[in-house]
Amino acid sequence: MSAYPVEVQCCELFPLDPMGKRLCETFPYWWNVITAANETRPQWITNIKHPLRPRVLWQRWNDSNTLVGVRFGSTTTYALIDIDRTSLYHPAVNPCGLTLILAALETIGIVRHVLLQSSSSGGLHLYLPLPHAVPTFGLAQALKQCLEAQGIAIAPGQVETFPNTKAYAVPGTYIEYNAHRLPLQPDSGSCLLDADGNPIGTDLGQFFRHWDSAAVGQDLETLHQAIAVARRNGSKRKRHRIAAVDEWRSDLQIEINEGWTGYGQTNHLLKTIACYGVVFEGLQGEALAEFVQTTAMNAPGYEAYCRHQHEITSRSTLWARAAEKYWWALGSEPQRNTHRFTGDGAENSDVIPINQNQARAEDAKRRIQEAVERLQSSGQFPSDITSRVRLLAQEAHTSTQTLYRYREFWYPDRLNQDNNETPVIAEAVSDPSDVAAKNPNPLKSPKPLQSKKFHTLGGNMKCISLLVPNLATNSSIDQPFSVLVLELKNLDSKAGQFNEKLLLEKPDQKPQLVNDEFRNLSLIHLFLVYIFLNEKFGLALTH
């Protein structure tokens, strides 16, 4: 950067030599000129003290021991494309490379050129003369976009464009365009080339004759249209990119600055801090982990609501490592595959399909469960549904609709059923071989019982089977049968005493059993007893 440049004035003293004057007129920007000793690998130095005078520039050009180069002003009458000897687009490496570049230039109206060997290294300078001056930055954008549209990579060591698309300067400063060496300096190895790449001389006059011939052949109307389109494209991309980046940065800063406002927010905040550190601070490794920990500990609400203070160092390191694998510093190359999953089921895809709806549902369940556990452990879990919904929505950061979708985690009857009730039918613990023996074909469901009546099967109910011998001799009963006697282990012995004698004294009559015998039985137990008594004896239970 430097102070604002002063454009070359018409009153400048040009060299007496016509070729010297033409050289200075063709390359009229003399601020921040670069110079170097004439070596195989020049070490360029920028003259930042003052602009180089035209006559001094001509003298430096004629000095076989010195190399000199210039930059661009706000307008220009030429452009230059630099192709290194080892570039994929150099004819020695790829015979079709230069042809592709020339074809791309024709799309923006540049149809003529002057080809030079830039130095003894064998690189190429492709000069693009214009008959009239055009905006420098617009031409730079048009060149860049037309080459990239054809898949030509613009990068040092491959293809470089002059003028380049420089960044916008901070108000009060000026960013220079990149500099390039002047053509055909004595003993520099620079020379004119014909269409086949053969040297045809080093005469400066011959160079300008080729220059003038190429300039008048350009399609300026097409070029101006291309420059206008390139400027619009560049403005749209820049505005959209800046707006998106600024919005993202602002969102992250808002979350970090507000800190903790409740429990269950530690992981989210650590992830946000780590993301900011990677993308906008450019941190990595231990520096990133330290940034996450320090920022978190200084955030509001950390001491009041963070329940991971005893392990904040390890948590910060964990999220720092995770963030490095997912995000990358702004302006750098992506560190992961950014292609979205297309859903076409391709086996070779590197992207694992993720069901986003299922992921969001699982996250909502987790937050609801954690909120319920926190409120129950702190004794703040409301008993009425309205207060419970309002508090859970706040603690779990979710909507009322989502809460009712997963009511099994908090609704009173569901919660009590999960925590307190004991099943009527106990789970049978058996050897898997027994199951296989009873059902040799696991793919087929077992056949249902032939009778349509309700049956109680031994081993499945909490009951014992008693053989009643005195009923076996009763003429009204054809064969012995089993009487179900429910186990009342948890009932009071006196109140829960089951009166077997009452059932056996007069089986041919219909005695009534009062509620005292069954007052502590559950409804399902009472229902089973009622069915048995009704079918066998026709007994009824009083209400």
Protein backbone atom coordinates (compact mmCIF):
# COMPACT_ATOMS: atom_id res chain seq x y z
CA MET A 1 0.00 0.00 0.00
CA SER A 2 1.01 3.59 -0.57
CA ALA A 3 -0.41 7.06 -0.83
CA TYR A 4 -2.71 7.82 -3.74
CA PRO A 5 -0.70 7.80 -6.98
CA VAL A 6 -0.36 10.86 -9.18
CA GLU A 7 -1.23 10.17 -12.80
CA VAL A 8 1.46 10.99 -15.39
CA GLN A 9 1.11 14.51 -16.70
CA CYS A 10 1.56 15.51 -20.36
CA CYS A 11 4.32 17.97 -19.40
CA GLU A 12 6.70 15.16 -18.42
CA LEU A 13 10.13 15.22 -20.07
CA PHE A 14 10.36 12.23 -22.37
CA PRO A 15 13.54 10.74 -23.81
CA LEU A 16 14.88 12.17 -27.02
CA ASP A 17 14.98 8.75 -28.67
CA PRO A 18 11.62 8.06 -30.41
CA MET A 19 11.66 4.45 -29.21
CA GLY A 20 12.32 5.66 -25.67
CA LYS A 21 9.41 8.09 -25.90
CA ARG A 22 7.12 5.42 -27.31
CA LEU A 23 8.14 3.02 -24.54
CA CYS A 24 7.32 5.58 -21.83
CA GLU A 25 4.01 6.47 -23.49
CA THR A 26 2.99 2.83 -23.79
CA PHE A 27 3.84 2.09 -20.16
CA PRO A 28 2.89 5.43 -18.54
CA TYR A 29 2.52 4.47 -14.84
CA TRP A 30 5.88 5.08 -13.10
CA TRP A 31 4.94 4.81 -9.41
CA ASN A 32 6.33 1.91 -7.40
CA VAL A 33 8.54 0.75 -10.26
CA ILE A 34 10.36 -2.54 -9.62
CA THR A 35 14.03 -3.13 -10.37
CA ALA A 36 16.44 -6.03 -10.05
CA ALA A 37 19.89 -7.15 -11.13
CA ASN A 38 19.93 -9.00 -14.44
CA GLU A 39 20.18 -12.53 -13.05
CA THR A 40 18.56 -15.90 -13.69
CA ARG A 41 16.43 -15.49 -10.55
CA PRO A 42 15.94 -11.72 -10.13
CA GLN A 43 15.37 -10.33 -6.63
CA TRP A 44 12.90 -7.54 -7.32
CA ILE A 45 12.91 -4.33 -5.27
CA THR A 46 10.10 -1.76 -5.29
CA ASN A 47 10.99 1.93 -5.52
CA ILE A 48 8.49 3.49 -3.09
CA LYS A 49 10.15 6.89 -2.56
CA HIS A 50 9.04 8.67 -5.72
CA PRO A 51 7.89 7.95 -9.27
CA LEU A 52 10.55 7.10 -11.78
CA ARG A 53 11.06 9.84 -14.37
CA PRO A 54 10.57 8.88 -18.05
CA ARG A 55 14.15 9.55 -19.05
CA VAL A 56 15.42 7.53 -16.07
CA LEU A 57 13.08 4.71 -17.03
CA TRP A 58 14.51 4.69 -20.53
CA GLN A 59 18.04 4.70 -19.16
CA ARG A 60 17.21 1.73 -16.87
CA TRP A 61 15.70 -0.14 -19.80
CA ASN A 62 18.90 0.26 -21.82
CA ASP A 63 21.11 -0.92 -18.93
CA SER A 64 21.97 -4.57 -19.60
CA ASN A 65 22.82 -5.10 -15.93
CA THR A 66 19.42 -3.95 -14.65
CA LEU A 67 15.90 -5.24 -15.09
CA VAL A 68 12.95 -2.87 -14.70
CA GLY A 69 9.22 -3.35 -14.42
CA VAL A 70 6.07 -1.20 -14.19
CA ARG A 71 2.50 -1.29 -12.89
CA PHE A 72 -0.92 -0.03 -14.03
CA GLY A 73 -2.82 3.18 -13.39
CA SER A 74 -6.61 3.68 -13.35
CA THR A 75 -6.84 3.20 -17.14
CA THR A 76 -4.75 1.13 -19.55
CA THR A 77 -4.24 0.52 -23.27
CA TYR A 78 -2.99 -3.04 -22.88
CA ALA A 79 -3.09 -6.22 -20.85
CA LEU A 80 -0.55 -8.99 -20.38
CA ILE A 81 -0.80 -12.72 -19.68
CA ASP A 82 2.24 -14.41 -18.14
CA ILE A 83 2.70 -18.15 -18.82
CA ASP A 84 5.57 -19.84 -16.98
CA ARG A 85 7.80 -22.39 -18.69
CA THR A 86 6.48 -25.17 -16.44
CA SER A 87 2.83 -24.12 -16.77
CA LEU A 88 0.24 -26.58 -17.99
CA TYR A 89 -0.61 -24.04 -20.72
CA HIS A 90 2.90 -23.56 -22.09
CA PRO A 91 3.29 -25.05 -25.61
CA ALA A 92 6.30 -27.07 -24.45
CA VAL A 93 4.11 -28.79 -21.84
CA ASN A 94 0.71 -28.75 -23.54
CA PRO A 95 0.55 -27.93 -27.28
CA CYS A 96 -3.14 -27.00 -26.93
CA GLY A 97 -2.73 -24.81 -23.83
CA LEU A 98 -1.95 -21.52 -25.57
CA THR A 99 -4.66 -22.15 -28.16
CA LEU A 100 -7.23 -22.53 -25.37
CA ILE A 101 -6.17 -19.19 -23.83
CA LEU A 102 -6.42 -17.40 -27.18
CA ALA A 103 -9.88 -18.89 -27.79
CA ALA A 104 -11.04 -17.69 -24.37
CA LEU A 105 -9.80 -14.15 -25.13
CA GLU A 106 -11.80 -14.05 -28.34
CA THR A 107 -15.02 -14.38 -26.33
CA ILE A 108 -14.47 -10.87 -24.91
CA GLY A 109 -13.34 -9.26 -28.20
CA ILE A 110 -9.56 -9.66 -27.89
CA VAL A 111 -8.62 -11.33 -31.17
CA ARG A 112 -5.04 -10.10 -31.73
CA HIS A 113 -1.90 -10.37 -29.61
CA VAL A 114 1.88 -9.95 -29.54
CA LEU A 115 3.81 -13.00 -28.30
CA LEU A 116 7.20 -12.68 -26.57
CA GLN A 117 9.58 -14.87 -24.69
CA SER A 118 9.74 -13.07 -21.36
CA SER A 119 13.28 -14.08 -20.31
CA SER A 120 15.98 -16.69 -20.70
CA SER A 121 13.86 -19.04 -18.54
CA GLY A 122 11.59 -19.66 -21.54
CA GLY A 123 8.33 -18.25 -20.15
CA LEU A 124 5.87 -16.42 -22.37
CA HIS A 125 4.42 -12.91 -22.25
CA LEU A 126 1.23 -12.52 -24.26
CA TYR A 127 0.66 -8.79 -24.82
CA LEU A 128 -2.90 -7.67 -25.65
CA PRO A 129 -2.74 -4.13 -27.15
CA LEU A 130 -5.86 -1.93 -27.31
CA PRO A 131 -6.52 1.10 -29.56
CA HIS A 132 -8.06 3.12 -26.70
CA ALA A 133 -7.75 3.23 -22.96
CA VAL A 134 -10.24 1.23 -20.87
CA PRO A 135 -10.81 1.01 -17.10
CA THR A 136 -8.01 -1.05 -15.65
CA PHE A 137 -10.03 -2.91 -13.02
CA GLY A 138 -12.84 -3.67 -15.47
CA LEU A 139 -10.35 -5.16 -17.92
CA ALA A 140 -8.81 -7.20 -15.09
CA GLN A 141 -12.22 -8.64 -14.17
CA ALA A 142 -13.08 -9.43 -17.80
CA LEU A 143 -9.78 -11.27 -18.29
CA LYS A 144 -10.14 -13.28 -15.12
CA GLN A 145 -13.75 -14.28 -15.74
CA CYS A 146 -13.29 -15.24 -19.39
CA LEU A 147 -10.30 -17.48 -18.58
CA GLU A 148 -11.95 -19.11 -15.57
CA ALA A 149 -15.07 -19.77 -17.65
CA GLN A 150 -12.92 -22.05 -19.83
CA GLY A 151 -11.45 -23.84 -16.82
CA ILE A 152 -8.09 -22.06 -17.00
CA ALA A 153 -6.55 -21.79 -13.53
CA ILE A 154 -5.16 -18.33 -12.72
CA ALA A 155 -2.36 -18.87 -10.24
CA PRO A 156 1.35 -18.07 -9.79
CA GLY A 157 3.50 -20.50 -11.74
CA GLN A 158 0.64 -21.29 -14.15
CA VAL A 159 -1.18 -18.34 -15.66
CA GLU A 160 -1.11 -14.78 -14.29
CA THR A 161 -3.04 -11.82 -15.65
CA PHE A 162 -1.86 -8.18 -15.68
CA PRO A 163 -3.69 -6.12 -14.55
CA ASN A 164 -4.81 -8.37 -11.71
CA THR A 165 -8.11 -8.15 -9.81
CA LYS A 166 -6.74 -6.45 -6.73
CA ALA A 167 -8.64 -6.09 -3.47
CA TYR A 168 -10.48 -2.93 -2.48
CA ALA A 169 -8.40 -0.57 -0.36
CA VAL A 170 -9.25 0.83 3.04
CA PRO A 171 -10.29 4.51 2.71
CA GLY A 172 -7.17 6.68 2.75
CA THR A 173 -4.91 4.07 1.18
CA TYR A 174 -4.24 2.68 -2.29
CA ILE A 175 -3.46 -0.87 -3.33
CA GLU A 176 -1.22 -1.17 -6.37
CA TYR A 177 -1.69 -3.58 -9.24
CA ASN A 178 0.98 -6.22 -9.68
CA ALA A 179 4.07 -5.20 -11.64
CA HIS A 180 5.56 -6.89 -14.71
CA ARG A 181 8.95 -6.52 -16.39
CA LEU A 182 9.31 -4.41 -19.52
CA PRO A 183 9.74 -6.22 -22.84
CA LEU A 184 12.93 -6.81 -24.88
CA GLN A 185 15.51 -5.44 -22.48
CA PRO A 186 19.09 -6.01 -23.66
CA ASP A 187 20.63 -9.33 -22.56
CA SER A 188 17.49 -10.30 -20.63
CA GLY A 189 16.57 -13.24 -22.88
CA SER A 190 13.36 -11.52 -24.03
CA CYS A 191 12.55 -11.75 -27.74
CA LEU A 192 9.68 -11.61 -30.24
CA LEU A 193 8.09 -14.91 -31.30
CA ASP A 194 6.11 -15.81 -34.37
CA ALA A 195 2.87 -17.77 -34.37
CA ASP A 196 4.81 -21.03 -34.13
CA GLY A 197 6.85 -19.85 -31.15
CA ASN A 198 10.09 -19.24 -33.07
CA PRO A 199 12.28 -16.20 -32.18
CA ILE A 200 12.07 -13.39 -34.78
CA GLY A 201 14.13 -10.62 -33.16
CA THR A 202 14.65 -8.25 -30.25
CA ASP A 203 14.10 -4.93 -32.05
CA LEU A 204 11.86 -2.53 -30.13
CA GLY A 205 10.66 -0.90 -33.35
CA GLN A 206 9.53 -4.27 -34.72
CA PHE A 207 7.73 -4.90 -31.41
CA PHE A 208 5.71 -1.67 -31.70
CA ARG A 209 4.82 -2.38 -35.33
CA HIS A 210 3.29 -5.71 -34.22
CA TRP A 211 1.69 -3.82 -31.34
CA ASP A 212 -0.07 -1.27 -33.58
CA SER A 213 -1.25 -3.98 -35.97
CA ALA A 214 -2.79 -5.99 -33.13
CA ALA A 215 -4.42 -2.95 -31.48
CA VAL A 216 -6.46 -1.92 -34.51
CA GLY A 217 -7.75 -5.46 -34.95
CA GLN A 218 -9.45 -5.75 -31.54
CA ASP A 219 -13.24 -5.83 -31.24
CA LEU A 220 -13.66 -2.92 -28.83
CA GLU A 221 -17.47 -3.03 -28.84
CA THR A 222 -17.46 -6.63 -27.61
CA LEU A 223 -14.72 -5.81 -25.12
CA HIS A 224 -16.68 -2.92 -23.59
CA GLN A 225 -19.74 -5.14 -23.25
CA ALA A 226 -17.63 -7.85 -21.61
CA ILE A 227 -16.13 -5.33 -19.17
CA ALA A 228 -19.60 -4.09 -18.19
CA VAL A 229 -20.84 -7.64 -17.61
CA ALA A 230 -17.72 -8.54 -15.62
CA ARG A 231 -18.12 -5.49 -13.38
CA ARG A 232 -21.76 -6.39 -12.68
CA ASN A 233 -20.84 -9.98 -11.93
CA GLY A 234 -18.05 -8.92 -9.62
CA SER A 235 -20.29 -6.48 -7.75
CA LYS A 236 -23.06 -9.05 -7.24
CA ARG A 237 -20.65 -11.69 -5.98
CA LYS A 238 -18.89 -9.28 -3.65
CA ARG A 239 -22.09 -7.82 -2.20
CA HIS A 240 -23.62 -11.25 -1.67
CA ARG A 241 -20.44 -12.69 -0.18
CA ILE A 242 -19.84 -9.75 2.16
CA ALA A 243 -23.47 -9.68 3.30
CA ALA A 244 -23.51 -13.41 4.04
CA VAL A 245 -20.18 -13.38 5.87
CA ASP A 246 -21.04 -10.30 7.92
CA GLU A 247 -24.40 -11.76 8.89
CA TRP A 248 -22.78 -15.03 9.96
CA ARG A 249 -20.14 -13.21 12.03
CA SER A 250 -22.82 -11.05 13.66
CA ASP A 251 -24.97 -14.07 14.55
CA LEU A 252 -22.07 -15.84 16.21
CA GLN A 253 -21.03 -12.74 18.14
CA ILE A 254 -24.58 -12.23 19.46
CA GLU A 255 -24.72 -15.79 20.81
CA ILE A 256 -21.26 -15.57 22.37
CA ASN A 257 -21.79 -12.14 23.94
CA GLU A 258 -25.07 -13.20 25.60
CA GLY A 259 -23.47 -16.35 27.02
CA TRP A 260 -25.43 -18.74 29.25
CA THR A 261 -29.07 -17.97 30.05
CA GLY A 262 -29.93 -21.40 31.43
CA TYR A 263 -28.80 -24.98 31.90
CA GLY A 264 -28.06 -27.33 29.01
CA GLN A 265 -26.36 -24.70 26.80
CA THR A 266 -22.70 -25.56 27.28
CA ASN A 267 -22.15 -27.74 24.21
CA HIS A 268 -23.94 -25.31 21.91
CA LEU A 269 -21.96 -22.33 23.13
CA LEU A 270 -18.61 -24.14 22.97
CA LYS A 271 -19.36 -25.15 19.39
CA THR A 272 -20.27 -21.55 18.50
CA ILE A 273 -17.07 -20.19 20.06
CA ALA A 274 -14.95 -22.82 18.29
CA CYS A 275 -16.60 -22.00 14.95
CA TYR A 276 -15.84 -18.29 15.41
CA GLY A 277 -12.26 -19.04 16.37
CA VAL A 278 -11.63 -21.15 13.28
CA VAL A 279 -13.43 -19.04 10.68
CA PHE A 280 -12.88 -15.46 11.79
CA GLU A 281 -9.80 -15.69 14.02
CA GLY A 282 -7.92 -18.25 11.92
CA LEU A 283 -6.93 -20.25 15.01
CA GLN A 284 -6.08 -23.93 15.20
CA GLY A 285 -4.62 -26.53 17.55
CA GLU A 286 -3.82 -25.50 21.11
CA ALA A 287 -4.41 -21.81 20.35
CA LEU A 288 -7.97 -22.60 19.29
CA ALA A 289 -8.67 -24.75 22.36
CA GLU A 290 -7.33 -21.99 24.64
CA PHE A 291 -9.49 -19.42 22.83
CA VAL A 292 -12.60 -21.57 23.34
CA GLN A 293 -11.91 -22.08 27.04
CA THR A 294 -11.02 -18.44 27.79
CA THR A 295 -14.00 -17.06 25.88
CA ALA A 296 -16.38 -19.49 27.55
CA MET A 297 -15.14 -18.78 31.06
CA ASN A 298 -15.48 -15.02 30.52
CA ALA A 299 -18.96 -15.28 29.00
CA PRO A 300 -22.00 -14.11 31.03
CA GLY A 301 -23.79 -16.82 33.00
CA TYR A 302 -20.87 -19.26 32.93
CA GLU A 303 -20.57 -19.68 36.70
CA ALA A 304 -24.33 -19.73 37.25
CA TYR A 305 -25.44 -22.18 34.57
CA CYS A 306 -22.47 -24.12 33.17
CA ARG A 307 -22.43 -27.57 34.76
CA HIS A 308 -19.19 -28.60 33.05
CA GLN A 309 -16.86 -26.20 34.83
CA HIS A 310 -14.90 -29.11 36.29
CA GLU A 311 -14.13 -30.37 32.78
CA ILE A 312 -14.15 -27.14 30.76
CA THR A 313 -10.58 -27.70 29.53
CA SER A 314 -11.29 -31.12 28.04
CA ARG A 315 -14.63 -29.94 26.63
CA SER A 316 -12.98 -26.95 24.99
CA THR A 317 -10.30 -29.15 23.43
CA LEU A 318 -12.92 -31.59 22.15
CA TRP A 319 -14.96 -28.87 20.43
CA ALA A 320 -11.82 -27.20 19.06
CA ARG A 321 -10.78 -30.43 17.35
CA ALA A 322 -14.28 -31.00 16.00
CA ALA A 323 -14.50 -27.44 14.64
CA GLU A 324 -11.15 -27.74 12.83
CA LYS A 325 -12.43 -30.76 10.93
CA TYR A 326 -15.68 -29.05 9.90
CA TRP A 327 -14.88 -25.34 9.31
CA TRP A 328 -11.88 -23.54 7.86
CA ALA A 329 -10.45 -20.02 8.07
CA LEU A 330 -12.20 -17.39 5.97
CA GLY A 331 -10.42 -17.04 2.63
CA SER A 332 -8.59 -20.37 2.82
CA GLU A 333 -9.26 -23.61 0.97
CA PRO A 334 -12.06 -25.87 2.30
CA GLN A 335 -10.82 -28.67 4.56
CA ARG A 336 -13.74 -31.03 3.92
CA ASN A 337 -16.02 -32.15 1.10
CA THR A 338 -18.63 -29.41 0.66
CA HIS A 339 -20.77 -31.29 -1.90
CA ARG A 340 -24.29 -31.92 -0.74
CA PHE A 341 -25.83 -35.36 -0.71
CA THR A 342 -27.83 -35.74 -3.92
CA GLY A 343 -29.94 -38.66 -2.80
CA ASP A 344 -29.26 -40.65 -5.98
CA GLY A 345 -27.92 -43.61 -4.02
CA ALA A 346 -24.53 -43.54 -5.69
CA GLU A 347 -22.27 -46.12 -4.11
CA ASN A 348 -19.11 -44.10 -4.74
CA SER A 349 -20.37 -40.98 -3.00
CA ASP A 350 -18.13 -39.75 -0.20
CA VAL A 351 -21.04 -37.99 1.49
CA ILE A 352 -23.04 -39.98 4.00
CA PRO A 353 -26.78 -39.25 3.72
CA ILE A 354 -28.26 -37.83 6.89
CA ASN A 355 -31.94 -37.75 7.75
CA GLN A 356 -32.17 -34.19 9.01
CA ASN A 357 -35.72 -34.62 10.30
CA GLN A 358 -34.70 -37.64 12.37
CA ALA A 359 -31.66 -35.78 13.68
CA ARG A 360 -33.80 -32.82 14.77
CA ALA A 361 -36.32 -35.17 16.40
CA GLU A 362 -33.63 -36.95 18.40
CA ASP A 363 -32.17 -33.63 19.48
CA ALA A 364 -35.59 -32.44 20.66
CA LYS A 365 -36.13 -35.65 22.66
CA ARG A 366 -32.72 -35.28 24.28
CA ARG A 367 -33.38 -31.67 25.30
CA ILE A 368 -36.80 -32.55 26.75
CA GLN A 369 -35.41 -35.47 28.75
CA GLU A 370 -32.53 -33.39 30.10
CA ALA A 371 -34.90 -30.59 31.08
CA VAL A 372 -37.20 -33.02 32.92
CA GLU A 373 -34.26 -34.53 34.79
CA ARG A 374 -32.92 -31.11 35.79
CA LEU A 375 -36.29 -29.90 37.05
CA GLN A 376 -36.99 -33.12 38.95
CA SER A 377 -33.58 -33.17 40.58
CA SER A 378 -33.93 -29.53 41.67
CA GLY A 379 -37.49 -30.02 42.93
CA GLN A 380 -38.88 -27.41 40.51
CA PHE A 381 -40.94 -29.78 38.35
CA PRO A 382 -44.54 -28.39 38.37
CA SER A 383 -47.42 -30.73 39.13
CA ASP A 384 -50.02 -29.07 36.89
CA ILE A 385 -49.76 -29.53 33.15
CA THR A 386 -50.00 -25.86 32.15
CA SER A 387 -47.08 -24.76 34.33
CA ARG A 388 -45.13 -27.86 33.33
CA VAL A 389 -45.53 -27.14 29.60
CA ARG A 390 -44.58 -23.49 30.01
CA LEU A 391 -41.45 -24.28 32.01
CA LEU A 392 -40.36 -27.18 29.81
CA ALA A 393 -40.73 -25.11 26.65
CA GLN A 394 -38.37 -22.57 28.19
CA GLU A 395 -35.87 -25.06 29.60
CA ALA A 396 -35.78 -27.40 26.57
CA HIS A 397 -35.83 -24.56 24.03
CA THR A 398 -38.69 -26.13 22.11
CA SER A 399 -42.29 -25.43 21.14
CA THR A 400 -45.48 -26.60 22.81
CA GLN A 401 -46.30 -28.67 19.74
CA THR A 402 -43.02 -30.54 20.03
CA LEU A 403 -43.58 -31.13 23.74
CA TYR A 404 -46.96 -32.77 23.13
CA ARG A 405 -45.46 -34.86 20.32
CA TYR A 406 -43.09 -36.41 22.87
CA ARG A 407 -45.38 -36.32 25.89
CA GLU A 408 -44.13 -39.69 27.11
CA PHE A 409 -41.16 -37.87 28.67
CA TRP A 410 -43.14 -35.42 30.81
CA TYR A 411 -46.93 -35.97 30.77
CA PRO A 412 -48.17 -37.01 34.27
CA ASP A 413 -49.91 -40.29 33.41
CA ARG A 414 -47.14 -41.36 31.03
CA LEU A 415 -44.42 -40.40 33.48
CA ASN A 416 -46.08 -42.21 36.41
CA GLN A 417 -46.75 -45.25 34.30
CA ASP A 418 -43.12 -45.49 33.27
CA ASN A 419 -41.76 -44.94 36.78
CA ASN A 420 -44.24 -46.54 39.23
CA GLU A 421 -46.47 -49.24 37.76
CA THR A 422 -45.61 -52.92 37.99
CA PRO A 423 -46.87 -55.06 35.10
CA VAL A 424 -49.68 -57.53 35.84
CA ILE A 425 -48.02 -60.23 33.74
CA ALA A 426 -44.44 -60.83 34.74
CA GLU A 427 -41.83 -61.32 32.09
CA ALA A 428 -40.87 -64.96 31.83
CA VAL A 429 -37.12 -65.52 31.95
CA SER A 430 -36.32 -68.65 30.02
CA ASP A 431 -33.59 -70.35 28.11
CA PRO A 432 -33.55 -69.41 24.40
CA SER A 433 -33.42 -73.13 23.62
CA ASP A 434 -36.81 -73.56 25.27
CA VAL A 435 -38.29 -70.93 23.04
CA ALA A 436 -36.81 -72.60 19.99
CA ALA A 437 -38.23 -75.95 21.07
CA LYS A 438 -41.72 -74.53 21.48
CA ASN A 439 -41.58 -72.63 18.21
CA PRO A 440 -39.14 -74.36 15.82
CA ASN A 441 -39.98 -72.00 12.98
CA PRO A 442 -39.42 -68.43 14.26
CA LEU A 443 -40.74 -66.90 11.06
CA LYS A 444 -44.23 -68.25 11.71
CA SER A 445 -46.37 -66.89 14.52
CA PRO A 446 -47.68 -69.42 17.04
CA LYS A 447 -51.22 -70.59 16.38
CA PRO A 448 -53.95 -69.08 18.59
CA LEU A 449 -55.96 -71.14 21.05
CA GLN A 450 -58.93 -72.93 19.51
CA SER A 451 -61.36 -71.73 22.16
CA LYS A 452 -62.58 -68.16 21.88
CA LYS A 453 -62.88 -67.84 25.67
CA PHE A 454 -60.45 -65.94 27.88
CA HIS A 455 -57.81 -68.31 29.24
CA THR A 456 -55.28 -68.01 32.02
CA LEU A 457 -52.18 -70.01 31.21
CA GLY A 458 -49.96 -71.48 33.91
CA GLY A 459 -46.65 -69.71 34.36
CA ASN A 460 -47.93 -66.43 32.96
CA MET A 461 -50.25 -65.35 35.79
CA LYS A 462 -49.36 -64.71 39.40
CA CYS A 463 -51.36 -67.67 40.65
CA ILE A 464 -51.07 -71.24 41.93
CA SER A 465 -53.04 -74.31 40.86
CA LEU A 466 -54.75 -76.33 43.59
CA LEU A 467 -56.39 -79.75 43.14
CA VAL A 468 -59.59 -79.88 45.18
CA PRO A 469 -60.04 -83.51 46.29
CA ASN A 470 -63.51 -83.22 47.91
CA LEU A 471 -64.90 -81.85 44.65
CA ALA A 472 -63.60 -84.88 42.80
CA THR A 473 -66.15 -87.11 44.60
CA ASN A 474 -69.05 -84.72 44.05
CA SER A 475 -71.51 -86.17 41.59
CA SER A 476 -72.21 -82.77 40.09
CA ILE A 477 -68.54 -82.43 39.02
CA ASP A 478 -67.33 -84.91 36.43
CA GLN A 479 -63.62 -84.46 36.94
CA PRO A 480 -61.15 -82.66 39.15
CA PHE A 481 -60.33 -79.11 38.17
CA SER A 482 -57.94 -76.39 39.19
CA VAL A 483 -58.99 -73.51 41.34
CA LEU A 484 -57.13 -70.26 40.81
CA VAL A 485 -55.95 -68.72 44.04
CA LEU A 486 -54.36 -65.28 43.53
CA GLU A 487 -51.26 -64.43 45.46
CA LEU A 488 -51.87 -61.52 47.73
CA LYS A 489 -48.33 -61.11 49.03
CA ASN A 490 -48.45 -57.36 49.45
CA LEU A 491 -51.90 -57.18 51.10
CA ASP A 492 -52.76 -57.23 54.75
CA SER A 493 -53.03 -60.86 55.83
CA LYS A 494 -56.44 -60.43 57.48
CA ALA A 495 -58.01 -58.20 54.85
CA GLY A 496 -56.56 -60.12 51.95
CA GLN A 497 -57.35 -63.64 53.18
CA PHE A 498 -58.89 -65.58 50.33
CA ASN A 499 -61.74 -67.82 51.63
CA GLU A 500 -61.31 -71.15 49.83
CA LYS A 501 -63.89 -72.88 52.06
CA LEU A 502 -66.61 -70.55 50.89
CA LEU A 503 -66.05 -71.71 47.34
CA LEU A 504 -66.07 -75.40 48.24
CA GLU A 505 -68.88 -75.75 50.81
CA LYS A 506 -71.82 -75.55 48.43
CA PRO A 507 -70.69 -75.71 44.82
CA ASP A 508 -74.24 -76.37 43.59
CA GLN A 509 -75.53 -73.14 45.11
CA LYS A 510 -74.74 -69.50 44.32
CA PRO A 511 -73.33 -67.86 47.45
CA GLN A 512 -72.38 -64.16 47.31
CA LEU A 513 -68.92 -62.83 48.14
CA VAL A 514 -68.72 -59.46 49.77
CA ASN A 515 -66.26 -56.76 48.84
CA ASP A 516 -64.18 -57.31 51.99
CA GLU A 517 -62.61 -60.37 50.43
CA PHE A 518 -61.40 -58.42 47.38
CA ARG A 519 -61.23 -54.81 48.42
CA ASN A 520 -57.47 -54.56 47.91
CA LEU A 521 -57.37 -56.36 44.57
CA SER A 522 -56.61 -54.45 41.41
CA LEU A 523 -59.25 -54.27 38.70
CA ILE A 524 -57.54 -56.79 36.47
CA HIS A 525 -57.25 -59.32 39.30
CA LEU A 526 -60.90 -58.83 40.21
CA PHE A 527 -61.92 -59.23 36.57
CA LEU A 528 -60.10 -62.57 36.26
CA VAL A 529 -61.62 -63.90 39.48
CA TYR A 530 -65.06 -62.81 38.35
CA ILE A 531 -64.74 -64.69 35.04
CA PHE A 532 -63.63 -67.86 36.81
CA LEU A 533 -66.43 -67.77 39.38
CA ASN A 534 -69.06 -66.92 36.81
CA GLU A 535 -68.15 -69.72 34.42
CA LYS A 536 -67.67 -72.46 37.04
CA PHE A 537 -70.22 -71.62 39.73
CA GLY A 538 -72.36 -68.81 38.44
CA LEU A 539 -71.27 -66.70 41.42
CA ALA A 540 -71.70 -62.96 41.45
CA LEU A 541 -69.79 -60.22 43.27
CA THR A 542 -71.73 -57.67 45.25
CA HIS A 543 -71.07 -54.01 44.52
